[in-house]
Amino acid sequence: MKSEIKTRLAGTRDRRAFGVFDERAAKDLQRRELIDGAIAARRCWVAEGFGRVVGYGILSKNFFHRDFIEVIFVAEDARRTGAGASLLSAIEKAVREDRLFTSTNESNIAMRALLFTRGYRESGRIENLDPKDPELVFVKFLERAA
């Protein structure tokens, strides 16, 4: 069953919903602090569909002081419904720079496919973060009016 996915900026009331579908948001203090900081800075978006929050995305400046999508996480049962693409679109619209970066593990085929579909291209590779699973860096050049 398809549902229309809508995105919006996250509010503090959304944080509890993240832990329902993202185990790290429920159990990892560092992840919770990242989420709380992003919500407070208005740099966290949620995807809603099927009557609930089904995903979230966080934009940071922690990559060489550039806009960087730190996290895109979609509930397993809501993947391939447009939630990830909707989150990327909302974040891209919020960015004022001419490019946007993100990264994912080489093994994350679904995320890599989504990024390529959305116009991102590989921009580098970082070895040794995760054993035998390099981190691939991606960039999207954004059209911005002068």
Protein backbone atom coordinates (compact mmCIF):
# COMPACT_ATOMS: atom_id res chain seq x y z
CA MET A 1 0.00 0.00 0.00
CA LYS A 2 1.44 3.36 -1.05
CA SER A 3 1.02 6.45 1.09
CA GLU A 4 1.83 10.03 0.29
CA ILE A 5 5.06 10.93 2.04
CA LYS A 6 5.33 14.43 3.47
CA THR A 7 8.39 16.06 4.97
CA ARG A 8 8.73 18.84 7.51
CA LEU A 9 11.23 20.17 10.00
CA ALA A 10 11.40 17.97 13.08
CA GLY A 11 10.27 19.18 16.47
CA THR A 12 11.20 17.89 19.91
CA ARG A 13 7.96 15.90 20.01
CA ASP A 14 9.29 13.79 17.09
CA ARG A 15 12.39 12.48 18.85
CA ARG A 16 10.61 9.64 20.61
CA ALA A 17 9.23 8.38 17.27
CA PHE A 18 12.77 7.94 15.89
CA GLY A 19 13.56 5.31 18.52
CA VAL A 20 10.66 3.17 17.33
CA PHE A 21 12.33 2.43 13.98
CA ASP A 22 16.00 3.35 14.59
CA GLU A 23 17.59 1.27 17.33
CA ARG A 24 20.55 3.65 17.57
CA ALA A 25 18.21 6.58 18.25
CA ALA A 26 16.72 4.56 21.09
CA LYS A 27 19.94 3.27 22.66
CA ASP A 28 22.94 5.35 21.57
CA LEU A 29 23.52 8.52 23.59
CA GLN A 30 25.70 10.01 20.83
CA ARG A 31 22.93 9.50 18.26
CA ARG A 32 20.35 11.07 20.61
CA GLU A 33 22.62 14.07 21.20
CA LEU A 34 23.11 14.46 17.43
CA ILE A 35 19.34 14.35 16.90
CA ASP A 36 18.59 16.78 19.74
CA GLY A 37 21.21 19.26 18.48
CA ALA A 38 19.93 19.04 14.90
CA ILE A 39 16.32 19.57 16.01
CA ALA A 40 17.32 22.59 18.09
CA ALA A 41 19.31 24.02 15.15
CA ARG A 42 16.39 23.37 12.75
CA ARG A 43 18.58 21.05 10.68
CA CYS A 44 16.54 17.85 11.11
CA TRP A 45 13.63 16.81 8.90
CA VAL A 46 11.06 14.05 9.28
CA ALA A 47 9.22 12.03 6.68
CA GLU A 48 5.64 11.13 7.53
CA GLY A 49 3.52 8.50 5.87
CA PHE A 50 1.20 5.65 6.82
CA GLY A 51 -0.05 7.80 9.70
CA ARG A 52 3.31 8.10 11.45
CA VAL A 53 6.88 9.34 11.29
CA VAL A 54 8.77 6.90 9.03
CA GLY A 55 12.16 8.56 8.63
CA TYR A 56 14.46 11.44 9.43
CA GLY A 57 17.39 13.29 7.93
CA ILE A 58 20.04 15.48 9.53
CA LEU A 59 22.05 18.23 7.85
CA SER A 60 25.32 19.35 9.44
CA LYS A 61 28.36 21.47 8.70
CA ASN A 62 30.76 18.84 10.07
CA PHE A 63 32.40 17.99 6.74
CA PHE A 64 35.10 20.60 6.09
CA HIS A 65 32.53 23.28 7.08
CA ARG A 66 30.35 22.22 4.13
CA ASP A 67 26.71 21.21 4.14
CA PHE A 68 26.69 17.47 4.76
CA ILE A 69 23.80 15.06 5.14
CA GLU A 70 24.85 13.29 8.29
CA VAL A 71 21.95 10.86 8.54
CA ILE A 72 19.10 9.65 6.37
CA PHE A 73 17.23 6.89 8.14
CA VAL A 74 13.94 5.35 7.01
CA ALA A 75 11.97 2.68 8.86
CA GLU A 76 12.51 -0.71 7.27
CA ASP A 77 8.82 -1.16 6.45
CA ALA A 78 8.70 2.26 4.76
CA ARG A 79 11.72 1.86 2.50
CA ARG A 80 11.17 2.18 -1.24
CA THR A 81 8.08 4.32 -0.67
CA GLY A 82 9.71 7.66 -1.53
CA ALA A 83 10.53 8.61 2.06
CA GLY A 84 14.30 8.77 1.47
CA ALA A 85 13.90 10.78 -1.73
CA SER A 86 11.48 13.12 0.02
CA LEU A 87 13.96 13.73 2.85
CA LEU A 88 16.77 14.38 0.36
CA SER A 89 14.58 16.83 -1.55
CA ALA A 90 13.64 18.77 1.60
CA ILE A 91 17.26 19.00 2.70
CA GLU A 92 18.46 20.04 -0.76
CA LYS A 93 15.91 22.87 -0.80
CA ALA A 94 17.19 24.14 2.55
CA VAL A 95 20.85 24.27 1.48
CA ARG A 96 22.07 27.68 0.34
CA GLU A 97 25.48 26.56 -0.93
CA ASP A 98 26.12 25.34 -4.46
CA ARG A 99 26.86 21.77 -3.41
CA LEU A 100 25.82 19.20 -0.86
CA PHE A 101 27.81 16.24 0.42
CA THR A 102 26.90 12.95 2.06
CA SER A 103 28.42 9.51 2.48
CA THR A 104 27.45 5.88 2.89
CA ASN A 105 29.15 2.54 3.16
CA GLU A 106 30.06 0.82 -0.08
CA SER A 107 27.84 -2.09 1.00
CA ASN A 108 24.72 0.14 1.23
CA ILE A 109 23.49 -0.56 -2.28
CA ALA A 110 20.02 0.90 -1.69
CA MET A 111 21.36 4.26 -0.48
CA ARG A 112 23.90 4.42 -3.30
CA ALA A 113 21.11 3.79 -5.84
CA LEU A 114 18.95 6.50 -4.26
CA LEU A 115 21.83 9.00 -4.36
CA PHE A 116 22.57 8.28 -8.03
CA THR A 117 18.86 8.61 -8.87
CA ARG A 118 18.82 12.02 -7.14
CA GLY A 119 21.85 13.29 -9.11
CA TYR A 120 24.66 12.69 -6.61
CA ARG A 121 28.00 11.44 -7.83
CA GLU A 122 30.95 9.84 -6.12
CA SER A 123 33.47 12.30 -4.78
CA GLY A 124 35.86 10.19 -2.73
CA ARG A 125 36.48 7.14 -0.64
CA ILE A 126 37.56 6.71 2.97
CA GLU A 127 39.15 3.42 3.97
CA ASN A 128 39.39 1.86 7.44
CA LEU A 129 36.33 3.35 9.14
CA ASP A 130 34.45 0.04 8.97
CA PRO A 131 36.45 -3.15 8.35
CA LYS A 132 36.31 -4.14 4.68
CA ASP A 133 33.47 -1.68 3.94
CA PRO A 134 34.82 1.68 2.70
CA GLU A 135 32.85 4.89 3.18
CA LEU A 136 31.97 6.49 -0.15
CA VAL A 137 31.58 10.27 -0.26
CA PHE A 138 29.03 11.79 -2.64
CA VAL A 139 28.39 15.31 -3.87
CA LYS A 140 25.45 16.95 -5.60
CA PHE A 141 25.94 20.27 -7.35
CA LEU A 142 22.84 22.36 -6.75
CA GLU A 143 21.35 24.93 -9.05
CA ARG A 144 21.31 28.24 -7.21
CA ALA A 145 20.18 31.61 -8.54
CA ALA A 146 22.93 34.23 -8.36
